[in-house]
Amino acid sequence: MTAATVLGLAAASISATSSDAKSGSSRFLCHAYGAGDTDFSASYEERVGDKGTRAKFLAGFETSTTDGFVAGQPVVFSVDAVVVGTVPLASVGRPGDLEAELRLDTKARGRGHNKPFPPTFPVIQAGSVLQASVGNVVLGCLVTLV
């Protein structure tokens, strides 16, 4: 991996279909690709129900040791330059495959893989930038409305 920063930007979309409007929900997905086998994806869903609003955020960074990464390297996930979580790369699947996954949920109780949203989590809207960075490598998605 060179010392140069790799920046991948991809458009994301927020949907508000008629069924979403009825239930008061919104969601988005985005994906960005870097050099080699490196990619970043994120999703956000918010639903309004009888018991209140529930939000879920999932961000994942996948790569391999052949791309110059090692298990244990911290992946910093951010929304509009606000850090929302840091997760170390871990070995998964085939030898050399690495992944870091951040799962936030308003219903998280501190057990399992889901974590509560940090108090500084920004509002995601059109123009928001979601990023994952590992050392000098940064992959990101720009949220746009469709």
N, C-alpha and C. Protein backbone atom coordinates (compact mmCIF):
# COMPACT_ATOMS: atom_id res chain seq x y z
N MET A 1 0.86 -1.17 0.00
CA MET A 1 0.00 0.00 0.00
C MET A 1 0.90 1.23 0.00
N THR A 2 0.65 2.14 -0.87
CA THR A 2 1.46 3.35 -0.92
C THR A 2 1.02 4.31 0.17
N ALA A 3 1.82 5.32 0.40
CA ALA A 3 1.49 6.32 1.42
C ALA A 3 0.41 7.27 0.94
N ALA A 4 0.09 7.22 -0.33
CA ALA A 4 -0.93 8.13 -0.88
C ALA A 4 -2.31 7.77 -0.35
N THR A 5 -3.11 8.75 -0.17
CA THR A 5 -4.48 8.54 0.29
C THR A 5 -5.32 8.07 -0.87
N VAL A 6 -6.11 7.03 -0.62
CA VAL A 6 -7.04 6.53 -1.61
C VAL A 6 -8.42 7.02 -1.18
N LEU A 7 -9.07 7.78 -2.05
CA LEU A 7 -10.39 8.31 -1.70
C LEU A 7 -11.38 7.86 -2.75
N GLY A 8 -12.39 7.14 -2.31
CA GLY A 8 -13.45 6.71 -3.21
C GLY A 8 -14.75 7.34 -2.76
N LEU A 9 -15.41 8.04 -3.63
CA LEU A 9 -16.71 8.62 -3.31
C LEU A 9 -17.77 7.99 -4.19
N ALA A 10 -18.85 7.61 -3.59
CA ALA A 10 -19.96 7.04 -4.33
C ALA A 10 -21.23 7.69 -3.85
N ALA A 11 -22.18 7.81 -4.74
CA ALA A 11 -23.46 8.40 -4.35
C ALA A 11 -24.27 7.39 -3.57
N ALA A 12 -25.00 7.87 -2.62
CA ALA A 12 -25.92 7.05 -1.84
C ALA A 12 -27.30 7.62 -2.04
N SER A 13 -28.29 6.87 -1.68
CA SER A 13 -29.63 7.40 -1.84
C SER A 13 -30.45 7.21 -0.58
N ILE A 14 -31.36 8.11 -0.36
CA ILE A 14 -32.32 7.99 0.71
C ILE A 14 -33.66 7.76 0.05
N SER A 15 -34.38 6.75 0.51
CA SER A 15 -35.67 6.49 -0.11
C SER A 15 -36.79 6.86 0.84
N ALA A 16 -37.85 7.33 0.28
CA ALA A 16 -39.06 7.61 1.05
C ALA A 16 -40.23 7.24 0.15
N THR A 17 -40.46 5.95 0.05
CA THR A 17 -41.55 5.48 -0.80
C THR A 17 -42.88 5.72 -0.09
N SER A 18 -43.99 5.47 -0.77
CA SER A 18 -45.29 5.72 -0.16
C SER A 18 -45.47 4.89 1.11
N SER A 19 -44.97 3.66 1.12
CA SER A 19 -45.10 2.86 2.34
C SER A 19 -44.22 3.42 3.44
N ASP A 20 -43.04 3.99 3.06
CA ASP A 20 -42.18 4.62 4.05
C ASP A 20 -42.86 5.84 4.64
N ALA A 21 -43.49 6.64 3.79
CA ALA A 21 -44.13 7.86 4.25
C ALA A 21 -45.26 7.53 5.24
N LYS A 22 -45.98 6.44 4.97
CA LYS A 22 -47.08 6.04 5.84
C LYS A 22 -46.56 5.64 7.22
N SER A 23 -45.44 4.93 7.25
CA SER A 23 -44.91 4.45 8.52
C SER A 23 -43.92 5.43 9.13
N GLY A 24 -43.57 6.49 8.41
CA GLY A 24 -42.62 7.46 8.94
C GLY A 24 -41.20 6.95 8.98
N SER A 25 -40.81 6.18 7.98
CA SER A 25 -39.45 5.63 7.99
C SER A 25 -38.62 6.22 6.86
N SER A 26 -37.32 6.11 7.02
CA SER A 26 -36.38 6.51 5.97
C SER A 26 -35.18 5.60 6.05
N ARG A 27 -34.46 5.48 4.93
CA ARG A 27 -33.28 4.60 4.90
C ARG A 27 -32.36 5.02 3.76
N PHE A 28 -31.10 4.61 3.87
CA PHE A 28 -30.16 4.82 2.78
C PHE A 28 -29.15 3.69 2.78
N LEU A 29 -28.51 3.51 1.64
CA LEU A 29 -27.41 2.57 1.45
C LEU A 29 -26.34 3.27 0.65
N CYS A 30 -25.10 2.98 0.91
CA CYS A 30 -24.04 3.51 0.05
C CYS A 30 -22.89 2.53 0.00
N HIS A 31 -22.10 2.66 -1.04
CA HIS A 31 -20.99 1.73 -1.25
C HIS A 31 -19.86 2.48 -1.97
N ALA A 32 -18.65 2.26 -1.54
CA ALA A 32 -17.48 2.85 -2.20
C ALA A 32 -16.41 1.77 -2.34
N TYR A 33 -15.69 1.82 -3.46
CA TYR A 33 -14.65 0.84 -3.75
C TYR A 33 -13.29 1.51 -3.78
N GLY A 34 -12.30 0.84 -3.20
CA GLY A 34 -10.94 1.34 -3.22
C GLY A 34 -10.06 0.43 -4.05
N ALA A 35 -8.77 0.56 -3.88
CA ALA A 35 -7.80 -0.26 -4.61
C ALA A 35 -7.87 -1.71 -4.14
N GLY A 36 -7.59 -2.62 -5.05
CA GLY A 36 -7.57 -4.04 -4.72
C GLY A 36 -8.94 -4.53 -4.27
N ASP A 37 -8.95 -5.23 -3.15
CA ASP A 37 -10.19 -5.80 -2.61
C ASP A 37 -10.78 -4.94 -1.50
N THR A 38 -10.48 -3.66 -1.48
CA THR A 38 -10.92 -2.79 -0.39
C THR A 38 -12.24 -2.12 -0.74
N ASP A 39 -13.21 -2.22 0.17
CA ASP A 39 -14.47 -1.51 -0.06
C ASP A 39 -15.12 -1.11 1.26
N PHE A 40 -16.04 -0.16 1.17
CA PHE A 40 -16.75 0.42 2.31
C PHE A 40 -18.23 0.45 1.97
N SER A 41 -19.06 0.06 2.92
CA SER A 41 -20.50 0.17 2.72
C SER A 41 -21.13 0.66 4.02
N ALA A 42 -22.26 1.33 3.88
CA ALA A 42 -22.97 1.83 5.06
C ALA A 42 -24.46 1.84 4.77
N SER A 43 -25.24 1.65 5.83
CA SER A 43 -26.69 1.75 5.71
C SER A 43 -27.24 2.39 6.97
N TYR A 44 -28.35 3.09 6.80
CA TYR A 44 -29.03 3.73 7.93
C TYR A 44 -30.52 3.55 7.72
N GLU A 45 -31.22 3.20 8.78
CA GLU A 45 -32.66 3.05 8.71
C GLU A 45 -33.28 3.66 9.96
N GLU A 46 -34.33 4.40 9.74
CA GLU A 46 -35.07 4.99 10.85
C GLU A 46 -36.55 4.70 10.65
N ARG A 47 -37.18 4.13 11.68
CA ARG A 47 -38.60 3.80 11.62
C ARG A 47 -39.33 4.40 12.81
N VAL A 48 -40.48 4.97 12.54
CA VAL A 48 -41.32 5.52 13.59
C VAL A 48 -42.49 4.57 13.78
N GLY A 49 -42.63 4.06 15.00
CA GLY A 49 -43.71 3.13 15.29
C GLY A 49 -44.48 3.58 16.52
N ASP A 50 -45.34 2.70 16.98
CA ASP A 50 -46.17 3.00 18.15
C ASP A 50 -45.34 3.22 19.42
N LYS A 51 -44.18 2.56 19.48
CA LYS A 51 -43.33 2.66 20.68
C LYS A 51 -42.21 3.66 20.51
N GLY A 52 -42.27 4.52 19.50
CA GLY A 52 -41.25 5.53 19.29
C GLY A 52 -40.41 5.27 18.06
N THR A 53 -39.33 6.00 17.94
CA THR A 53 -38.45 5.91 16.77
C THR A 53 -37.32 4.94 17.05
N ARG A 54 -37.03 4.10 16.08
CA ARG A 54 -35.89 3.19 16.17
C ARG A 54 -34.97 3.47 14.99
N ALA A 55 -33.70 3.64 15.28
CA ALA A 55 -32.71 3.88 14.24
C ALA A 55 -31.62 2.80 14.31
N LYS A 56 -31.12 2.43 13.12
CA LYS A 56 -30.01 1.47 13.01
C LYS A 56 -29.01 2.02 12.00
N PHE A 57 -27.74 1.90 12.32
CA PHE A 57 -26.65 2.31 11.44
C PHE A 57 -25.66 1.17 11.36
N LEU A 58 -25.29 0.80 10.15
CA LEU A 58 -24.32 -0.27 9.94
C LEU A 58 -23.27 0.23 8.95
N ALA A 59 -22.02 0.14 9.34
CA ALA A 59 -20.93 0.52 8.45
C ALA A 59 -19.89 -0.60 8.45
N GLY A 60 -19.41 -0.94 7.27
CA GLY A 60 -18.44 -2.02 7.16
C GLY A 60 -17.29 -1.67 6.23
N PHE A 61 -16.10 -2.09 6.59
CA PHE A 61 -14.90 -1.88 5.78
C PHE A 61 -14.29 -3.26 5.57
N GLU A 62 -14.13 -3.66 4.31
CA GLU A 62 -13.57 -4.97 3.98
C GLU A 62 -12.32 -4.79 3.14
N THR A 63 -11.33 -5.62 3.41
CA THR A 63 -10.05 -5.54 2.68
C THR A 63 -9.32 -6.87 2.84
N SER A 64 -8.04 -6.89 2.51
CA SER A 64 -7.25 -8.10 2.67
C SER A 64 -5.82 -7.74 3.03
N THR A 65 -5.12 -8.74 3.51
CA THR A 65 -3.71 -8.53 3.86
C THR A 65 -2.88 -8.27 2.60
N THR A 66 -3.33 -8.75 1.44
CA THR A 66 -2.58 -8.51 0.20
C THR A 66 -2.65 -7.05 -0.22
N ASP A 67 -3.60 -6.29 0.34
CA ASP A 67 -3.69 -4.87 0.06
C ASP A 67 -2.88 -4.04 1.06
N GLY A 68 -2.12 -4.70 1.93
CA GLY A 68 -1.23 -4.01 2.85
C GLY A 68 -1.81 -3.75 4.24
N PHE A 69 -2.96 -4.32 4.55
CA PHE A 69 -3.57 -4.13 5.86
C PHE A 69 -3.26 -5.31 6.77
N VAL A 70 -3.37 -5.10 8.08
CA VAL A 70 -3.14 -6.17 9.05
C VAL A 70 -4.26 -6.17 10.08
N ALA A 71 -4.52 -7.35 10.61
CA ALA A 71 -5.54 -7.47 11.66
C ALA A 71 -5.14 -6.58 12.83
N GLY A 72 -6.13 -5.93 13.42
CA GLY A 72 -5.88 -5.05 14.57
C GLY A 72 -5.79 -3.58 14.22
N GLN A 73 -5.57 -3.25 12.93
CA GLN A 73 -5.54 -1.84 12.54
C GLN A 73 -6.89 -1.21 12.81
N PRO A 74 -6.93 -0.03 13.43
CA PRO A 74 -8.21 0.61 13.71
C PRO A 74 -8.84 1.23 12.46
N VAL A 75 -10.15 1.01 12.28
CA VAL A 75 -10.93 1.64 11.23
C VAL A 75 -11.80 2.69 11.91
N VAL A 76 -11.67 3.93 11.48
CA VAL A 76 -12.42 5.04 12.07
C VAL A 76 -13.58 5.36 11.13
N PHE A 77 -14.80 5.24 11.65
CA PHE A 77 -16.01 5.53 10.88
C PHE A 77 -16.51 6.92 11.28
N SER A 78 -16.88 7.72 10.26
CA SER A 78 -17.35 9.08 10.55
C SER A 78 -18.53 9.45 9.66
N VAL A 79 -19.32 10.39 10.16
CA VAL A 79 -20.44 10.98 9.43
C VAL A 79 -20.21 12.49 9.49
N ASP A 80 -20.07 13.11 8.33
CA ASP A 80 -19.82 14.56 8.26
C ASP A 80 -18.67 14.99 9.17
N ALA A 81 -17.58 14.24 9.11
CA ALA A 81 -16.34 14.50 9.85
C ALA A 81 -16.47 14.30 11.36
N VAL A 82 -17.61 13.78 11.83
CA VAL A 82 -17.79 13.46 13.25
C VAL A 82 -17.55 11.96 13.41
N VAL A 83 -16.57 11.60 14.23
CA VAL A 83 -16.27 10.18 14.46
C VAL A 83 -17.43 9.55 15.23
N VAL A 84 -17.98 8.47 14.65
CA VAL A 84 -19.11 7.79 15.29
C VAL A 84 -18.72 6.42 15.84
N GLY A 85 -17.49 5.98 15.57
CA GLY A 85 -17.02 4.71 16.11
C GLY A 85 -15.70 4.28 15.50
N THR A 86 -14.97 3.47 16.25
CA THR A 86 -13.70 2.91 15.80
C THR A 86 -13.72 1.42 16.10
N VAL A 87 -13.39 0.61 15.08
CA VAL A 87 -13.41 -0.84 15.21
C VAL A 87 -12.13 -1.39 14.59
N PRO A 88 -11.43 -2.32 15.25
CA PRO A 88 -10.22 -2.89 14.65
C PRO A 88 -10.55 -3.89 13.55
N LEU A 89 -9.68 -3.94 12.54
CA LEU A 89 -9.81 -4.96 11.50
C LEU A 89 -9.62 -6.34 12.12
N ALA A 90 -10.44 -7.29 11.71
CA ALA A 90 -10.35 -8.65 12.22
C ALA A 90 -10.35 -9.63 11.06
N SER A 91 -9.71 -10.77 11.25
CA SER A 91 -9.68 -11.82 10.24
C SER A 91 -11.05 -12.46 10.13
N VAL A 92 -11.50 -12.66 8.88
CA VAL A 92 -12.78 -13.32 8.63
C VAL A 92 -12.65 -14.21 7.40
N GLY A 93 -13.43 -15.27 7.36
CA GLY A 93 -13.49 -16.09 6.15
C GLY A 93 -12.16 -16.68 5.74
N ARG A 94 -11.81 -16.46 4.47
CA ARG A 94 -10.58 -17.00 3.90
C ARG A 94 -9.35 -16.36 4.54
N PRO A 95 -8.23 -17.08 4.55
CA PRO A 95 -7.00 -16.48 5.07
C PRO A 95 -6.67 -15.18 4.34
N GLY A 96 -6.37 -14.14 5.09
CA GLY A 96 -6.01 -12.86 4.51
C GLY A 96 -7.17 -11.88 4.42
N ASP A 97 -8.42 -12.37 4.53
CA ASP A 97 -9.57 -11.47 4.48
C ASP A 97 -9.73 -10.76 5.83
N LEU A 98 -9.98 -9.46 5.76
CA LEU A 98 -10.13 -8.64 6.96
C LEU A 98 -11.41 -7.83 6.88
N GLU A 99 -11.99 -7.54 8.05
CA GLU A 99 -13.24 -6.78 8.09
C GLU A 99 -13.35 -6.03 9.42
N ALA A 100 -13.97 -4.85 9.35
CA ALA A 100 -14.36 -4.11 10.56
C ALA A 100 -15.80 -3.69 10.34
N GLU A 101 -16.64 -3.91 11.34
CA GLU A 101 -18.06 -3.60 11.20
C GLU A 101 -18.55 -2.86 12.44
N LEU A 102 -19.21 -1.74 12.20
CA LEU A 102 -19.79 -0.93 13.27
C LEU A 102 -21.30 -1.04 13.17
N ARG A 103 -21.95 -1.48 14.26
CA ARG A 103 -23.41 -1.61 14.30
C ARG A 103 -23.93 -0.75 15.45
N LEU A 104 -24.73 0.25 15.09
CA LEU A 104 -25.34 1.12 16.10
C LEU A 104 -26.85 0.92 16.06
N ASP A 105 -27.48 0.92 17.23
CA ASP A 105 -28.93 0.68 17.30
C ASP A 105 -29.48 1.42 18.52
N THR A 106 -30.58 2.15 18.32
CA THR A 106 -31.17 2.87 19.45
C THR A 106 -31.71 1.92 20.51
N LYS A 107 -31.92 0.65 20.15
CA LYS A 107 -32.41 -0.35 21.11
C LYS A 107 -31.27 -1.18 21.72
N ALA A 108 -30.02 -0.84 21.43
CA ALA A 108 -28.88 -1.59 21.96
C ALA A 108 -28.84 -1.45 23.48
N ARG A 109 -28.51 -2.53 24.12
CA ARG A 109 -28.44 -2.54 25.59
C ARG A 109 -27.04 -2.87 26.09
N GLY A 110 -26.03 -2.74 25.22
CA GLY A 110 -24.65 -3.00 25.64
C GLY A 110 -24.22 -4.44 25.52
N ARG A 111 -25.12 -5.32 25.06
CA ARG A 111 -24.77 -6.72 24.85
C ARG A 111 -24.68 -7.00 23.36
N GLY A 112 -23.91 -7.99 22.98
CA GLY A 112 -23.85 -8.39 21.58
C GLY A 112 -23.06 -7.41 20.72
N HIS A 113 -23.35 -7.46 19.41
CA HIS A 113 -22.59 -6.66 18.45
C HIS A 113 -23.11 -5.24 18.32
N ASN A 114 -24.39 -5.00 18.63
CA ASN A 114 -24.95 -3.67 18.49
C ASN A 114 -24.52 -2.77 19.65
N LYS A 115 -24.19 -1.55 19.30
CA LYS A 115 -23.79 -0.55 20.29
C LYS A 115 -24.79 0.60 20.24
N PRO A 116 -24.92 1.35 21.32
CA PRO A 116 -25.79 2.52 21.28
C PRO A 116 -25.18 3.63 20.42
N PHE A 117 -26.03 4.49 19.86
CA PHE A 117 -25.55 5.64 19.10
C PHE A 117 -24.80 6.58 20.03
N PRO A 118 -23.66 7.12 19.59
CA PRO A 118 -22.98 8.11 20.43
C PRO A 118 -23.83 9.39 20.48
N PRO A 119 -23.74 10.16 21.56
CA PRO A 119 -24.54 11.37 21.67
C PRO A 119 -24.23 12.40 20.59
N THR A 120 -23.05 12.30 19.98
CA THR A 120 -22.64 13.26 18.95
C THR A 120 -23.00 12.82 17.54
N PHE A 121 -23.77 11.72 17.39
CA PHE A 121 -24.10 11.21 16.05
C PHE A 121 -24.90 12.28 15.31
N PRO A 122 -24.39 12.73 14.15
CA PRO A 122 -25.08 13.80 13.41
C PRO A 122 -26.30 13.30 12.64
N VAL A 123 -27.15 14.23 12.26
CA VAL A 123 -28.30 13.92 11.42
C VAL A 123 -27.78 13.60 10.02
N ILE A 124 -28.21 12.49 9.45
CA ILE A 124 -27.82 12.13 8.10
C ILE A 124 -28.86 12.70 7.14
N GLN A 125 -28.37 13.45 6.15
CA GLN A 125 -29.26 14.10 5.20
C GLN A 125 -28.54 14.23 3.86
N ALA A 126 -29.24 14.75 2.84
CA ALA A 126 -28.61 14.96 1.54
C ALA A 126 -27.36 15.80 1.73
N GLY A 127 -26.26 15.37 1.15
CA GLY A 127 -25.00 16.09 1.28
C GLY A 127 -24.10 15.55 2.39
N SER A 128 -24.63 14.68 3.24
CA SER A 128 -23.81 14.09 4.28
C SER A 128 -22.73 13.20 3.66
N VAL A 129 -21.57 13.17 4.28
CA VAL A 129 -20.46 12.34 3.81
C VAL A 129 -20.17 11.30 4.88
N LEU A 130 -20.20 10.03 4.47
CA LEU A 130 -19.90 8.91 5.36
C LEU A 130 -18.53 8.38 4.95
N GLN A 131 -17.67 8.12 5.94
CA GLN A 131 -16.32 7.68 5.62
C GLN A 131 -15.83 6.59 6.56
N ALA A 132 -14.90 5.81 6.02
CA ALA A 132 -14.13 4.85 6.80
C ALA A 132 -12.67 5.15 6.49
N SER A 133 -11.86 5.28 7.52
CA SER A 133 -10.43 5.55 7.28
C SER A 133 -9.57 4.60 8.10
N VAL A 134 -8.52 4.13 7.44
CA VAL A 134 -7.53 3.25 8.05
C VAL A 134 -6.17 3.81 7.65
N GLY A 135 -5.47 4.42 8.58
CA GLY A 135 -4.20 5.05 8.24
C GLY A 135 -4.42 6.11 7.18
N ASN A 136 -3.73 5.97 6.03
CA ASN A 136 -3.83 6.93 4.94
C ASN A 136 -4.94 6.60 3.94
N VAL A 137 -5.66 5.52 4.15
CA VAL A 137 -6.70 5.10 3.22
C VAL A 137 -8.05 5.61 3.73
N VAL A 138 -8.76 6.34 2.86
CA VAL A 138 -10.08 6.87 3.20
C VAL A 138 -11.05 6.50 2.07
N LEU A 139 -12.15 5.86 2.43
CA LEU A 139 -13.21 5.58 1.48
C LEU A 139 -14.47 6.27 1.99
N GLY A 140 -15.26 6.87 1.09
CA GLY A 140 -16.43 7.58 1.54
C GLY A 140 -17.56 7.57 0.54
N CYS A 141 -18.75 7.91 1.04
CA CYS A 141 -19.96 7.98 0.23
C CYS A 141 -20.63 9.32 0.50
N LEU A 142 -21.17 9.91 -0.55
CA LEU A 142 -21.92 11.16 -0.46
C LEU A 142 -23.40 10.82 -0.54
N VAL A 143 -24.18 11.25 0.45
CA VAL A 143 -25.61 10.96 0.49
C VAL A 143 -26.35 11.97 -0.38
N THR A 144 -27.16 11.47 -1.31
CA THR A 144 -27.98 12.32 -2.17
C THR A 144 -29.41 11.84 -2.12
N LEU A 145 -30.35 12.74 -2.33
CA LEU A 145 -31.76 12.36 -2.39
C LEU A 145 -32.12 11.99 -3.81
N VAL A 146 -33.01 11.02 -3.95
CA VAL A 146 -33.52 10.64 -5.28
C VAL A 146 -35.00 10.86 -5.36
